[in-house]
Amino acid sequence: MRTPHLRAVSAPQTLQVALYARVSTDQQAEHHTIDSQLAELTARAEQDGHDLRDDLRFIDNGHSGASLIRPALEHLRDLVALSAIDLIYVHAPDRLARSYAHQVLLIEEFAHAGTQVVFLNHPIGTTPEDSLLLQLQGMFAEYERAKVLERSRRGKRHRAQTGAVSVLSRAPFGYRYITREAGGGDARYEIDEEAARIVRQIFTWVGHERLTLAGVCRRLHDSGLPSPTGRRHWSRAMIHSMLLNPAYAGQALYGRRQSVPWRPPLHPPRGHDGLPRRPWRQVLATPERHISIAVPAIVGEELFASVAEQLEENRRRSRERLAGVQYLLRGLLVCQKCGYGFTGHHHRGQWRYYRCCGTDRSRFHGAFRCDARLVATELLDEAVWTEVCRLLDDPARVIAEYQRRLDAVQATPHRLELDALGRQRAKARRAIERLIDSYTEGLIEKPEFEPRLAALRRRTARLEAEAKAHQEADEQVRSLHLVIGKLDLFAALVHDRLAGADWTTRRDIICTLVKRIEVADDVVRVIFRVDPGVSGPSEAGRTLHHCPTRPDPAPDVA
């Protein structure tokens, strides 16, 4: 009997389908307005015959589309770069990004990885006309966003001028915010008597008993009263903001703050090394922008004025106490033990010193975070300035050090390594494709397929990271000569002014050249933005004496 000829029939390939949704504000996230997007995207995917996994639903709640730094979008882009996503459903291009330039960037990035993007309101074509239409949609979305913001601003200011409380959107501690729906068409503030009693007590302590902010925090802690956020400890910043809020005297202000672009500090705060969630920050606006809205008063105007006068007197005394006290290295000192910064202090008008913020018990409710010792201000300033002058007086030493590094880097066959990594990456991608084809044709089972696929993708990610590191090293090599040229020019410009430089000039030069200064118990490391190198004769370490108020041994500056 003849055996019939067996024919292999390949099963249809299963696409990895994902969806992306976004809303801009926290208020939209709280009201779950993103649910409508998710429902429409899920319905469209099911209509097209695709199954959506829960781990492939990428949602950014309360993130602005003006920035590409969004957690869910970052995760989605990482998976797309690993060829783990085949199809992405998005409600509209403006949900992906508000700026048309960002839209084009993301779509080209997805297309380069072989990932298709489906917009519910408009399909993406391949013709130049379709690309032009998509770019025009992005431009109109950006224009519409600007117009919506402007109309919203003008409308809110108009309602604030008519005395509408709805533009304030939330009530400070001591009040309850009654929405327009609950208030019969008009939003308003209602006094919460239990919280208002605490507010009146705080105003009385400062306005009548002349208590300091730290003293108020201690009394509140001893009384066992929780803060407005539910914590056990009250912060001085929270108390200060409460005492300056004119709403407690019956006049709430609209437009107290304004948004300005975020600027990175000299030294990022501990635990906040990356960019902030939003690329802007709020600062106090000028009084001309304020609009007063009448609300129920918790304290009298006389008590509120007395508290403001006491806070101003405390501020003036603090400024008088600090008059003429300048700290050359402020914002640049970092503790090697705990990571907190060093701040300048003076003891009874006799000695000035730098102190780690982790040793300030008032910041951490009476507890120490660090046991770092005090460092005398004058000696540390002089030692750091000497190191900066040594760098600028002899830039040839830096050039020689960088030339040595260039020779060492050029001796390493980076190009050969990059080529080898490129071949390994291509081989890993082909292995992933073959593994997926084997699983699709039923040659391997799912329990065997998933761990092998995860291992291949981890290997691909590792190769991508190594290739990126080599590319960054090559880019650094190409920029070395440019950096040295700028340093040589800068040294020539300021060389004649180093000897007689005043405090402002020294501060500007140090901020330009010094990245950070790491302080330990026995050594202080000056880390330059341009590494001065180790070439040339070594010098003996300079001894820095600690503040005389602490009988500790002296450290060395390396």
Protein backbone atom coordinates (compact mmCIF):
# COMPACT_ATOMS: atom_id res chain seq x y z
CA MET A 1 0.00 0.00 0.00
CA ARG A 2 1.36 3.37 -0.96
CA THR A 3 1.88 5.86 1.76
CA PRO A 4 0.22 9.16 0.89
CA HIS A 5 2.59 12.10 0.46
CA LEU A 6 2.73 14.23 3.61
CA ARG A 7 2.55 17.98 3.07
CA ALA A 8 3.54 20.45 5.78
CA VAL A 9 0.94 23.15 6.29
CA SER A 10 2.21 26.22 8.15
CA ALA A 11 -0.11 27.79 10.67
CA PRO A 12 -0.77 31.51 10.42
CA GLN A 13 1.76 33.54 12.37
CA THR A 14 0.45 35.04 15.63
CA LEU A 15 1.06 38.78 15.77
CA GLN A 16 2.13 40.47 18.98
CA VAL A 17 -0.44 43.26 19.27
CA ALA A 18 -0.20 46.17 21.72
CA LEU A 19 -2.18 49.32 22.39
CA TYR A 20 -1.15 52.71 23.68
CA ALA A 21 -3.40 55.26 25.40
CA ARG A 22 -2.68 58.53 27.19
CA VAL A 23 -4.37 61.38 29.03
CA SER A 24 -2.59 64.60 29.90
CA THR A 25 -3.73 65.68 33.35
CA ASP A 26 -4.04 64.02 36.73
CA GLN A 27 -7.68 65.15 36.87
CA GLN A 28 -8.44 63.17 33.70
CA ALA A 29 -6.70 60.16 35.22
CA GLU A 30 -8.77 60.44 38.41
CA HIS A 31 -12.02 60.58 36.42
CA HIS A 32 -10.97 57.56 34.29
CA THR A 33 -11.41 59.39 31.00
CA ILE A 34 -8.89 57.02 29.45
CA ASP A 35 -11.41 54.17 29.64
CA SER A 36 -13.14 55.38 26.47
CA GLN A 37 -9.86 55.15 24.54
CA LEU A 38 -9.19 51.65 25.85
CA ALA A 39 -12.69 50.47 24.96
CA GLU A 40 -12.43 51.71 21.37
CA LEU A 41 -8.93 50.32 20.91
CA THR A 42 -9.91 46.92 22.30
CA ALA A 43 -13.01 46.78 20.10
CA ARG A 44 -10.97 47.62 17.00
CA ALA A 45 -8.36 44.96 17.80
CA GLU A 46 -11.05 42.33 18.34
CA GLN A 47 -12.75 43.40 15.10
CA ASP A 48 -9.46 42.82 13.28
CA GLY A 49 -9.19 39.36 14.84
CA HIS A 50 -6.38 40.04 17.32
CA ASP A 51 -6.12 39.07 20.97
CA LEU A 52 -4.75 41.70 23.36
CA ARG A 53 -2.63 40.58 26.28
CA ASP A 54 -2.87 42.51 29.53
CA ASP A 55 0.89 43.07 29.68
CA LEU A 56 0.83 44.73 26.24
CA ARG A 57 -1.56 47.52 27.25
CA PHE A 58 0.60 50.62 27.65
CA ILE A 59 -1.19 53.43 29.49
CA ASP A 60 0.22 56.83 30.51
CA ASN A 61 -2.12 58.42 33.04
CA GLY A 62 -1.48 62.10 33.68
CA HIS A 63 1.52 62.53 31.36
CA SER A 64 1.78 65.39 28.90
CA GLY A 65 2.16 64.59 25.23
CA ALA A 66 4.59 67.47 24.79
CA SER A 67 7.42 65.28 26.16
CA LEU A 68 8.65 61.85 25.07
CA ILE A 69 9.70 60.95 28.63
CA ARG A 70 6.72 58.81 29.65
CA PRO A 71 6.97 55.47 31.50
CA ALA A 72 4.60 53.44 29.35
CA LEU A 73 5.92 54.93 26.11
CA GLU A 74 9.50 54.19 27.16
CA HIS A 75 8.57 50.57 27.86
CA LEU A 76 6.76 50.30 24.53
CA ARG A 77 9.73 51.71 22.61
CA ASP A 78 12.07 49.27 24.33
CA LEU A 79 9.93 46.31 23.29
CA VAL A 80 9.64 47.64 19.74
CA ALA A 81 13.41 47.96 19.53
CA LEU A 82 13.65 44.26 20.48
CA SER A 83 11.18 43.33 17.70
CA ALA A 84 8.73 42.06 20.30
CA ILE A 85 5.75 44.09 18.98
CA ASP A 86 4.26 43.66 15.51
CA LEU A 87 1.22 45.93 15.67
CA ILE A 88 0.29 48.96 17.80
CA TYR A 89 -3.16 50.46 18.11
CA VAL A 90 -3.38 54.18 19.00
CA HIS A 91 -6.52 56.26 19.17
CA ALA A 92 -5.09 59.31 17.34
CA PRO A 93 -1.67 60.76 16.50
CA ASP A 94 -1.99 63.39 19.23
CA ARG A 95 -2.32 60.59 21.83
CA LEU A 96 1.08 59.34 20.70
CA ALA A 97 2.67 62.82 20.83
CA ARG A 98 1.49 66.41 20.70
CA SER A 99 4.38 67.70 18.61
CA TYR A 100 4.33 66.67 14.95
CA ALA A 101 8.13 66.33 15.03
CA HIS A 102 7.80 63.77 17.85
CA GLN A 103 5.08 61.97 15.92
CA VAL A 104 7.28 61.60 12.86
CA LEU A 105 10.19 60.47 15.03
CA LEU A 106 8.16 57.73 16.75
CA ILE A 107 6.49 56.50 13.55
CA GLU A 108 9.84 56.28 11.76
CA GLU A 109 11.33 54.46 14.76
CA PHE A 110 8.47 51.94 14.77
CA ALA A 111 8.65 51.47 11.00
CA HIS A 112 12.41 50.88 11.14
CA ALA A 113 11.80 48.06 13.66
CA GLY A 114 9.10 46.53 11.45
CA THR A 115 6.20 47.52 13.72
CA GLN A 116 2.95 48.73 12.17
CA VAL A 117 0.98 51.57 13.79
CA VAL A 118 -2.79 51.78 13.39
CA PHE A 119 -4.62 55.03 14.23
CA LEU A 120 -8.36 54.71 14.67
CA ASN A 121 -9.18 58.09 13.16
CA HIS A 122 -6.91 57.86 10.11
CA PRO A 123 -4.96 55.00 8.48
CA ILE A 124 -1.28 55.48 7.71
CA GLY A 125 -0.43 55.17 4.03
CA THR A 126 2.82 54.78 2.18
CA THR A 127 2.48 57.60 -0.33
CA PRO A 128 4.04 61.05 0.13
CA GLU A 129 0.54 62.51 0.31
CA ASP A 130 -0.32 60.29 3.27
CA SER A 131 2.88 61.30 5.07
CA LEU A 132 2.11 64.97 4.42
CA LEU A 133 -1.42 64.53 5.76
CA LEU A 134 -0.09 62.90 8.93
CA GLN A 135 2.38 65.73 9.49
CA LEU A 136 -0.37 68.30 8.94
CA GLN A 137 -2.50 66.49 11.52
CA GLY A 138 0.35 66.74 14.00
CA MET A 139 0.81 70.45 13.29
CA PHE A 140 -2.91 71.09 13.72
CA ALA A 141 -2.94 69.08 16.97
CA GLU A 142 -0.07 71.17 18.31
CA TYR A 143 -1.83 74.38 17.25
CA GLU A 144 -5.10 73.18 18.76
CA ARG A 145 -3.36 72.39 22.05
CA ALA A 146 -1.94 75.92 22.21
CA LYS A 147 -5.34 77.44 21.44
CA VAL A 148 -7.09 75.25 24.03
CA LEU A 149 -4.60 76.29 26.68
CA GLU A 150 -5.03 79.96 25.80
CA ARG A 151 -8.85 79.75 25.80
CA SER A 152 -8.79 77.85 29.08
CA ARG A 153 -6.49 80.45 30.65
CA ARG A 154 -8.65 83.36 29.50
CA GLY A 155 -11.85 81.61 30.60
CA LYS A 156 -10.48 80.83 34.05
CA ARG A 157 -9.26 84.39 34.59
CA HIS A 158 -12.68 85.71 33.56
CA ARG A 159 -14.47 83.38 35.99
CA ALA A 160 -11.98 84.32 38.72
CA GLN A 161 -12.72 88.01 38.16
CA THR A 162 -16.43 87.27 38.64
CA GLY A 163 -15.67 85.53 41.96
CA ALA A 164 -16.18 81.91 40.86
CA VAL A 165 -14.51 79.45 43.24
CA SER A 166 -14.55 76.67 40.62
CA VAL A 167 -11.29 77.98 39.07
CA LEU A 168 -9.43 77.11 42.29
CA SER A 169 -10.29 73.40 41.78
CA ARG A 170 -9.20 72.31 45.27
CA ALA A 171 -9.44 73.59 48.81
CA PRO A 172 -6.56 74.09 51.26
CA PHE A 173 -6.39 72.30 54.60
CA GLY A 174 -9.27 73.46 56.78
CA TYR A 175 -11.82 73.66 53.95
CA ARG A 176 -13.98 71.28 51.96
CA TYR A 177 -14.40 71.89 48.25
CA ILE A 178 -18.05 71.68 47.16
CA THR A 179 -18.36 71.11 43.41
CA ARG A 180 -20.87 72.84 41.19
CA GLU A 181 -22.96 69.68 40.93
CA ALA A 182 -23.16 69.29 44.70
CA GLY A 183 -23.52 73.02 45.34
CA GLY A 184 -26.54 73.66 43.14
CA GLY A 185 -24.63 75.19 40.24
CA ASP A 186 -22.01 77.18 42.18
CA ALA A 187 -18.80 75.77 43.61
CA ARG A 188 -17.76 76.98 47.04
CA TYR A 189 -15.52 76.41 50.05
CA GLU A 190 -17.00 75.10 53.29
CA ILE A 191 -15.11 75.22 56.58
CA ASP A 192 -14.13 71.86 58.04
CA GLU A 193 -14.36 72.67 61.75
CA GLU A 194 -12.10 69.88 62.93
CA ALA A 195 -9.30 70.88 60.56
CA ALA A 196 -10.01 74.60 61.02
CA ARG A 197 -9.36 74.22 64.75
CA ILE A 198 -5.82 73.04 63.97
CA VAL A 199 -5.31 75.93 61.54
CA ARG A 200 -6.42 78.49 64.15
CA GLN A 201 -4.08 76.92 66.70
CA ILE A 202 -1.12 77.18 64.33
CA PHE A 203 -1.85 80.85 63.58
CA THR A 204 -2.19 81.57 67.30
CA TRP A 205 1.14 79.93 68.13
CA VAL A 206 2.98 82.02 65.54
CA GLY A 207 1.03 85.28 65.70
CA HIS A 208 0.60 85.56 69.50
CA GLU A 209 3.23 83.32 71.07
CA ARG A 210 5.88 84.13 68.41
CA LEU A 211 6.71 80.45 67.97
CA THR A 212 9.11 79.35 65.23
CA LEU A 213 8.16 76.96 62.45
CA ALA A 214 10.24 74.20 64.01
CA GLY A 215 8.51 74.81 67.36
CA VAL A 216 5.10 74.53 65.67
CA CYS A 217 6.13 71.22 64.08
CA ARG A 218 7.27 69.88 67.45
CA ARG A 219 4.03 70.85 69.18
CA LEU A 220 1.93 69.28 66.45
CA HIS A 221 3.99 66.10 66.68
CA ASP A 222 3.66 65.99 70.45
CA SER A 223 -0.09 66.49 70.16
CA GLY A 224 -0.36 63.45 67.87
CA LEU A 225 -2.16 65.38 65.13
CA PRO A 226 -1.54 63.95 61.62
CA SER A 227 -0.52 66.23 58.78
CA PRO A 228 -2.90 67.00 55.87
CA THR A 229 -1.21 64.19 53.94
CA GLY A 230 -1.79 61.73 56.77
CA ARG A 231 1.80 61.59 57.98
CA ARG A 232 2.90 61.74 61.57
CA HIS A 233 5.37 64.60 61.09
CA TRP A 234 4.61 68.09 59.81
CA SER A 235 7.16 69.85 57.63
CA ARG A 236 8.23 73.44 58.07
CA ALA A 237 7.60 74.11 54.37
CA MET A 238 4.00 72.97 54.75
CA ILE A 239 3.46 75.21 57.79
CA HIS A 240 5.11 78.19 56.06
CA SER A 241 2.92 77.79 52.96
CA MET A 242 -0.17 77.51 55.16
CA LEU A 243 0.64 80.67 57.12
CA LEU A 244 1.10 82.70 53.92
CA ASN A 245 -2.12 81.53 52.25
CA PRO A 246 -4.55 84.48 52.27
CA ALA A 247 -7.50 82.11 51.81
CA TYR A 248 -7.55 81.59 55.60
CA ALA A 249 -8.22 85.33 55.99
CA GLY A 250 -11.12 85.20 53.51
CA GLN A 251 -9.39 86.08 50.23
CA ALA A 252 -8.25 83.13 48.09
CA LEU A 253 -5.88 84.02 45.26
CA TYR A 254 -6.09 82.75 41.71
CA GLY A 255 -2.83 82.92 39.78
CA ARG A 256 -0.49 82.72 42.79
CA ARG A 257 1.95 80.57 40.82
CA GLN A 258 3.15 80.38 37.27
CA SER A 259 4.97 77.71 35.29
CA VAL A 260 8.52 78.25 34.07
CA PRO A 261 10.85 75.85 32.20
CA TRP A 262 12.71 73.41 34.41
CA ARG A 263 16.41 74.10 34.84
CA PRO A 264 18.76 71.42 36.16
CA PRO A 265 20.51 72.30 39.44
CA LEU A 266 24.26 72.24 39.94
CA HIS A 267 23.90 69.00 41.88
CA PRO A 268 20.70 66.91 41.55
CA PRO A 269 18.97 66.12 44.85
CA ARG A 270 19.53 62.77 46.45
CA GLY A 271 17.38 60.11 44.79
CA HIS A 272 16.41 62.39 41.86
CA ASP A 273 19.19 61.90 39.34
CA GLY A 274 16.94 61.78 36.28
CA LEU A 275 14.69 64.29 34.60
CA PRO A 276 11.48 65.32 36.38
CA ARG A 277 8.09 64.01 35.39
CA ARG A 278 7.18 67.33 33.80
CA PRO A 279 9.67 69.65 32.07
CA TRP A 280 8.51 72.70 34.04
CA ARG A 281 8.24 73.93 37.62
CA GLN A 282 6.01 76.36 39.45
CA VAL A 283 7.20 79.60 41.03
CA LEU A 284 5.40 82.46 42.75
CA ALA A 285 3.83 84.86 40.29
CA THR A 286 3.99 88.64 40.54
CA PRO A 287 1.20 90.36 42.51
CA GLU A 288 -0.13 91.90 39.28
CA ARG A 289 -1.31 88.45 38.17
CA HIS A 290 -3.23 87.72 41.39
CA ILE A 291 -7.03 87.74 41.43
CA SER A 292 -8.79 87.69 44.81
CA ILE A 293 -11.86 85.49 45.36
CA ALA A 294 -13.95 85.80 48.52
CA VAL A 295 -14.17 82.61 50.63
CA PRO A 296 -15.19 81.96 54.27
CA ALA A 297 -12.48 83.12 56.69
CA ILE A 298 -10.98 80.85 59.35
CA VAL A 299 -8.80 83.48 61.08
CA GLY A 300 -9.16 87.21 61.40
CA GLU A 301 -7.29 89.71 59.27
CA GLU A 302 -5.41 91.08 62.30
CA LEU A 303 -4.09 87.64 63.25
CA PHE A 304 -3.13 86.90 59.65
CA ALA A 305 -1.25 90.22 59.42
CA SER A 306 0.49 89.52 62.73
CA VAL A 307 1.66 86.13 61.46
CA ALA A 308 2.94 87.65 58.21
CA GLU A 309 4.80 90.30 60.21
CA GLN A 310 6.39 87.64 62.44
CA LEU A 311 7.51 85.57 59.41
CA GLU A 312 9.02 88.65 57.80
CA GLU A 313 10.84 89.51 61.02
CA ASN A 314 12.24 85.98 61.22
CA ARG A 315 13.36 86.20 57.62
CA ARG A 316 15.00 89.58 58.18
CA ARG A 317 16.85 88.37 61.26
CA SER A 318 18.07 85.34 59.36
CA ARG A 319 19.31 87.55 56.53
CA GLU A 320 21.03 89.89 58.96
CA ARG A 321 22.68 86.96 60.65
CA LEU A 322 23.91 85.72 57.28
CA ALA A 323 24.88 89.15 55.92
CA GLY A 324 28.27 88.97 54.24
CA VAL A 325 28.46 85.16 54.61
CA GLN A 326 29.15 83.58 51.23
CA TYR A 327 29.95 79.96 50.49
CA LEU A 328 32.08 79.41 47.44
CA LEU A 329 31.27 75.72 46.96
CA ARG A 330 27.54 75.72 47.63
CA GLY A 331 25.63 73.27 45.49
CA LEU A 332 28.76 71.29 44.57
CA LEU A 333 29.59 69.33 47.75
CA VAL A 334 28.29 65.77 48.07
CA CYS A 335 28.70 63.39 50.99
CA GLN A 336 30.21 60.05 49.97
CA LYS A 337 28.52 58.26 52.87
CA CYS A 338 24.86 59.13 52.43
CA GLY A 339 24.65 61.03 49.14
CA TYR A 340 23.16 64.19 50.64
CA GLY A 341 24.67 67.57 49.87
CA PHE A 342 26.76 69.77 52.15
CA THR A 343 25.42 73.18 53.16
CA GLY A 344 27.19 76.16 54.67
CA HIS A 345 26.79 77.07 58.36
CA HIS A 346 28.49 79.28 60.90
CA HIS A 347 28.88 78.74 64.65
CA ARG A 348 28.25 81.73 66.95
CA GLY A 349 29.70 84.11 64.40
CA GLN A 350 33.21 82.69 64.88
CA TRP A 351 33.67 79.70 62.57
CA ARG A 352 32.19 78.84 59.21
CA TYR A 353 31.94 75.25 58.05
CA TYR A 354 30.22 72.90 55.63
CA ARG A 355 27.85 70.34 57.14
CA CYS A 356 26.20 67.28 55.59
CA CYS A 357 22.41 67.57 55.44
CA GLY A 358 22.18 64.02 56.77
CA THR A 359 23.51 65.25 60.13
CA ASP A 360 20.77 67.87 60.51
CA ARG A 361 18.30 66.33 62.93
CA SER A 362 15.69 69.00 62.24
CA ARG A 363 15.32 67.66 58.69
CA PHE A 364 14.62 64.11 59.84
CA HIS A 365 12.49 64.64 62.96
CA GLY A 366 15.29 64.35 65.51
CA ALA A 367 17.15 61.43 63.88
CA PHE A 368 20.58 61.34 62.21
CA ARG A 369 20.95 60.02 58.66
CA CYS A 370 24.73 60.38 58.55
CA ASP A 371 27.70 60.82 60.87
CA ALA A 372 29.89 62.87 58.53
CA ARG A 373 32.15 65.42 60.21
CA LEU A 374 32.23 69.16 59.71
CA VAL A 375 34.67 70.72 57.24
CA ALA A 376 36.14 74.18 57.69
CA THR A 377 34.99 76.52 54.95
CA GLU A 378 38.09 78.64 54.33
CA LEU A 379 40.51 75.75 54.04
CA LEU A 380 38.28 73.70 51.74
CA ASP A 381 37.56 76.72 49.50
CA GLU A 382 41.25 77.49 49.22
CA ALA A 383 42.19 73.88 48.47
CA VAL A 384 39.58 73.55 45.71
CA TRP A 385 40.55 76.91 44.20
CA THR A 386 44.20 75.81 44.19
CA GLU A 387 43.27 72.65 42.30
CA VAL A 388 41.31 74.69 39.74
CA CYS A 389 44.23 77.09 39.28
CA ARG A 390 46.60 74.16 38.86
CA LEU A 391 44.41 72.84 36.08
CA LEU A 392 44.25 76.22 34.31
CA ASP A 393 47.92 77.09 34.81
CA ASP A 394 49.16 73.99 33.03
CA PRO A 395 46.63 72.77 30.42
CA ALA A 396 49.52 70.99 28.66
CA ARG A 397 49.39 68.33 31.39
CA VAL A 398 45.77 67.67 30.54
CA ILE A 399 46.56 67.54 26.84
CA ALA A 400 49.34 65.03 27.51
CA GLU A 401 47.02 62.89 29.61
CA TYR A 402 44.33 62.90 26.96
CA GLN A 403 46.90 62.12 24.29
CA ARG A 404 47.94 59.10 26.33
CA ARG A 405 44.31 58.02 26.54
CA LEU A 406 43.85 58.60 22.83
CA ASP A 407 46.80 56.40 22.07
CA ALA A 408 45.43 53.68 24.35
CA VAL A 409 41.96 53.90 22.83
CA GLN A 410 43.21 53.96 19.26
CA ALA A 411 45.29 50.88 19.96
CA THR A 412 42.09 48.99 20.77
CA PRO A 413 40.35 47.72 17.63
CA HIS A 414 36.97 49.28 18.34
CA ARG A 415 35.95 49.02 14.70
CA LEU A 416 36.62 45.28 14.69
CA GLU A 417 34.65 44.86 17.90
CA LEU A 418 31.73 46.85 16.49
CA ASP A 419 31.71 44.72 13.35
CA ALA A 420 31.77 41.55 15.43
CA LEU A 421 28.93 42.83 17.60
CA GLY A 422 26.96 43.71 14.48
CA ARG A 423 27.33 40.17 13.16
CA GLN A 424 26.33 38.71 16.52
CA ARG A 425 23.25 40.93 16.68
CA ALA A 426 22.20 39.93 13.18
CA LYS A 427 22.72 36.28 14.09
CA ALA A 428 20.61 36.69 17.25
CA ARG A 429 17.79 38.32 15.24
CA ARG A 430 17.84 35.48 12.72
CA ALA A 431 17.73 32.99 15.59
CA ILE A 432 14.65 34.74 16.99
CA GLU A 433 12.98 34.64 13.57
CA ARG A 434 13.76 30.93 13.16
CA LEU A 435 12.48 30.18 16.65
CA ILE A 436 9.23 32.02 15.98
CA ASP A 437 8.81 30.19 12.67
CA SER A 438 9.42 26.85 14.41
CA TYR A 439 6.80 27.65 17.02
CA THR A 440 4.35 28.82 14.35
CA GLU A 441 4.77 25.58 12.38
CA GLY A 442 4.27 23.51 15.51
CA LEU A 443 7.78 22.08 15.66
CA ILE A 444 8.27 23.15 19.29
CA GLU A 445 5.82 23.54 22.14
CA LYS A 446 5.03 26.71 24.06
CA PRO A 447 6.82 25.66 27.34
CA GLU A 448 10.01 25.24 25.32
CA PHE A 449 9.45 28.27 23.11
CA GLU A 450 8.97 30.97 25.74
CA PRO A 451 12.20 30.52 27.77
CA ARG A 452 14.31 30.18 24.61
CA LEU A 453 12.76 33.32 23.14
CA ALA A 454 13.31 35.23 26.39
CA ALA A 455 16.96 34.13 26.50
CA LEU A 456 17.53 35.22 22.87
CA ARG A 457 15.95 38.59 23.52
CA ARG A 458 18.10 39.10 26.63
CA ARG A 459 21.17 38.27 24.56
CA THR A 460 20.08 40.71 21.87
CA ALA A 461 19.56 43.44 24.47
CA ARG A 462 23.01 42.77 25.94
CA LEU A 463 24.63 42.98 22.50
CA GLU A 464 22.76 46.23 21.81
CA ALA A 465 24.06 47.68 25.09
CA GLU A 466 27.64 46.65 24.30
CA ALA A 467 27.42 48.16 20.83
CA LYS A 468 26.03 51.39 22.24
CA ALA A 469 28.86 51.54 24.78
CA HIS A 470 31.47 51.13 22.03
CA GLN A 471 29.80 53.81 19.93
CA GLU A 472 29.79 56.19 22.87
CA ALA A 473 33.47 55.48 23.45
CA ASP A 474 34.25 56.28 19.82
CA GLU A 475 32.23 59.47 20.06
CA GLN A 476 34.15 60.44 23.18
CA VAL A 477 37.41 59.85 21.36
CA ARG A 478 36.29 62.10 18.50
CA SER A 479 35.34 64.87 20.94
CA LEU A 480 38.55 64.78 23.00
CA HIS A 481 40.46 67.13 20.75
CA LEU A 482 37.58 69.61 20.71
CA VAL A 483 37.34 69.54 24.52
CA ILE A 484 41.05 70.13 24.91
CA GLY A 485 40.93 73.01 22.47
CA LYS A 486 38.17 74.67 24.45
CA LEU A 487 40.00 74.13 27.72
CA ASP A 488 43.19 75.64 26.31
CA LEU A 489 41.27 78.68 25.04
CA PHE A 490 39.43 79.11 28.36
CA ALA A 491 42.71 78.85 30.29
CA ALA A 492 44.28 81.52 28.09
CA LEU A 493 41.34 83.88 28.66
CA VAL A 494 41.30 83.64 32.45
CA HIS A 495 45.02 83.10 33.12
CA ASP A 496 45.79 86.76 33.76
CA ARG A 497 42.84 87.13 36.16
CA LEU A 498 43.43 84.13 38.39
CA ALA A 499 45.72 85.86 40.89
CA GLY A 500 43.39 88.78 41.61
CA ALA A 501 40.06 87.06 41.00
CA ASP A 502 37.25 88.21 43.27
CA TRP A 503 34.64 85.94 44.84
CA THR A 504 32.21 86.18 41.91
CA THR A 505 34.88 85.32 39.34
CA ARG A 506 36.08 82.37 41.40
CA ARG A 507 32.52 81.13 41.76
CA ASP A 508 31.90 81.32 38.00
CA ILE A 509 35.14 79.52 37.15
CA ILE A 510 34.55 76.77 39.70
CA CYS A 511 30.99 76.17 38.48
CA THR A 512 32.29 75.99 34.91
CA LEU A 513 35.05 73.44 35.57
CA VAL A 514 33.97 71.45 38.65
CA LYS A 515 31.25 68.82 38.27
CA ARG A 516 31.00 67.88 41.95
CA ILE A 517 33.14 67.59 45.09
CA GLU A 518 32.85 64.35 47.06
CA VAL A 519 33.58 64.68 50.79
CA ALA A 520 34.53 61.74 53.02
CA ASP A 521 35.98 61.56 56.52
CA ASP A 522 39.60 61.58 55.41
CA VAL A 523 39.61 62.71 51.78
CA VAL A 524 37.96 65.28 49.53
CA ARG A 525 37.78 64.45 45.83
CA VAL A 526 37.39 67.25 43.28
CA ILE A 527 35.76 65.83 40.13
CA PHE A 528 36.24 68.13 37.15
CA ARG A 529 34.06 68.29 34.10
CA VAL A 530 37.35 67.90 32.26
CA ASP A 531 39.52 65.33 34.03
CA PRO A 532 42.90 66.92 34.89
CA GLY A 533 44.60 63.52 34.66
CA VAL A 534 47.43 61.99 36.67
CA SER A 535 50.41 62.88 34.52
CA GLY A 536 53.29 64.87 35.93
CA PRO A 537 54.94 64.84 39.33
CA SER A 538 52.66 64.02 42.23
CA GLU A 539 52.12 66.57 44.96
CA ALA A 540 51.68 65.96 48.66
CA GLY A 541 48.13 65.95 49.97
CA ARG A 542 46.90 69.14 51.57
CA THR A 543 45.66 68.91 55.14
CA LEU A 544 42.23 70.34 55.89
CA HIS A 545 41.34 70.99 59.51
CA HIS A 546 37.78 70.35 60.58
CA CYS A 547 35.72 72.97 62.34
CA PRO A 548 37.20 73.70 65.79
CA THR A 549 33.84 72.91 67.39
CA ARG A 550 34.44 69.21 66.72
CA PRO A 551 37.60 67.54 68.13
CA ASP A 552 38.13 65.27 65.11
CA PRO A 553 41.31 64.47 63.20
CA ALA A 554 42.04 66.36 60.02
CA PRO A 555 41.40 64.84 56.58
CA ASP A 556 43.58 65.01 53.50
CA VAL A 557 42.62 66.43 50.15
CA ALA A 558 43.52 64.20 47.24
